């Protein structure tokens, strides 16, 4: 119970300090909110683009464009054989 008492005292002390400087409190809360929101948005985009593959029924029909003169495209299974992805 001593831990809860100390935690409650610390929370009350922190609230009093934040109440004394409302502009600093507002800036801190807005900064934290913007930072958390930006991180959430960035990682949501990265998750959707990089980590989740596109739903494709026939992966063998996908091609990888190549820019050499010998071959203009290779099928996805051949790409897996060549590059091991």
Protein backbone atom coordinates (compact mmCIF):
# COMPACT_ATOMS: atom_id res chain seq x y z
CA UNK A 1 0.00 0.00 0.00
CA UNK A 2 2.94 2.32 0.50
CA UNK A 3 3.69 2.13 -3.22
CA UNK A 4 0.15 3.23 -4.12
CA UNK A 5 0.33 6.06 -1.59
CA UNK A 6 3.62 7.27 -3.05
CA UNK A 7 2.28 6.95 -6.59
CA UNK A 8 -0.81 8.99 -5.65
CA UNK A 9 1.34 11.70 -4.03
CA UNK A 10 3.57 11.84 -7.12
CA UNK A 11 0.54 12.13 -9.42
CA UNK A 12 -0.92 14.96 -7.33
CA UNK A 13 2.43 16.76 -7.27
CA UNK A 14 2.78 16.41 -11.04
CA UNK A 15 -0.75 17.70 -11.60
CA UNK A 16 -0.03 20.74 -9.40
CA UNK A 17 3.14 21.50 -11.35
CA UNK A 18 1.33 21.14 -14.68
CA UNK A 19 -1.42 23.42 -13.40
CA UNK A 20 1.08 26.16 -12.54
CA UNK A 21 2.38 26.38 -16.11
CA UNK A 22 -0.60 25.79 -18.40
CA UNK A 23 1.13 27.01 -21.56
CA UNK A 24 4.07 24.65 -21.07
CA UNK A 25 1.60 21.85 -20.34
CA UNK A 26 -0.32 22.61 -23.53
CA UNK A 27 2.87 22.64 -25.61
CA UNK A 28 4.04 19.35 -24.06
CA UNK A 29 0.69 17.64 -24.65
CA UNK A 30 0.47 18.90 -28.25
CA UNK A 31 4.05 17.83 -28.96
CA UNK A 32 3.41 14.36 -27.57
CA UNK A 33 0.15 14.10 -29.52
CA UNK A 34 1.76 15.14 -32.80
CA UNK A 35 4.68 12.78 -32.27
CA UNK A 36 2.47 9.80 -31.46
CA UNK A 37 0.14 10.60 -34.35
CA UNK A 38 3.00 10.97 -36.84
CA UNK A 39 4.58 7.69 -35.74
CA UNK A 40 1.26 5.89 -36.01
CA UNK A 41 0.65 7.26 -39.50
CA UNK A 42 4.16 6.45 -40.75
CA UNK A 43 4.16 2.91 -39.41
CA UNK A 44 0.66 2.30 -40.76
CA UNK A 45 1.81 3.30 -44.24
CA UNK A 46 5.00 1.23 -43.97
CA UNK A 47 3.00 -1.77 -42.75
CA UNK A 48 0.52 -1.47 -45.61
CA UNK A 49 3.15 -0.94 -48.30
CA UNK A 50 6.15 -2.99 -47.24
CA UNK A 51 4.99 -5.73 -44.91
CA UNK A 52 1.67 -6.80 -46.36
CA UNK A 53 1.90 -8.26 -49.83
CA UNK A 54 -0.68 -7.53 -52.46
CA UNK A 55 -3.43 -10.13 -52.74
CA UNK A 56 -2.64 -11.89 -56.02
CA UNK A 57 -4.38 -15.08 -57.14
CA UNK A 58 -1.81 -16.22 -59.70
CA UNK A 59 1.68 -15.35 -58.49
CA UNK A 60 3.21 -17.27 -61.38
CA UNK A 61 1.88 -14.61 -63.76
CA UNK A 62 3.70 -11.76 -62.05
CA UNK A 63 6.75 -10.51 -63.90
CA UNK A 64 9.82 -8.61 -62.85
CA UNK A 65 10.89 -5.98 -65.40
CA UNK A 66 14.51 -6.25 -66.45
CA UNK A 67 16.41 -3.57 -68.28
CA UNK A 68 18.89 -5.67 -70.25
CA UNK A 69 18.69 -6.63 -73.90
CA UNK A 70 18.52 -10.38 -73.37
CA UNK A 71 15.30 -10.67 -71.45
CA UNK A 72 12.65 -8.05 -70.77
CA UNK A 73 10.79 -9.83 -67.98
CA UNK A 74 10.94 -13.01 -65.91
CA UNK A 75 8.15 -14.86 -64.15
CA UNK A 76 7.93 -14.62 -60.37
CA UNK A 77 8.82 -18.28 -59.65
CA UNK A 78 11.98 -17.87 -61.75
CA UNK A 79 12.75 -14.70 -59.79
CA UNK A 80 12.52 -16.74 -56.59
CA UNK A 81 14.95 -19.29 -58.02
CA UNK A 82 17.39 -16.63 -59.08
CA UNK A 83 17.28 -14.36 -56.08
CA UNK A 84 15.96 -16.60 -53.30
CA UNK A 85 13.20 -14.25 -52.13
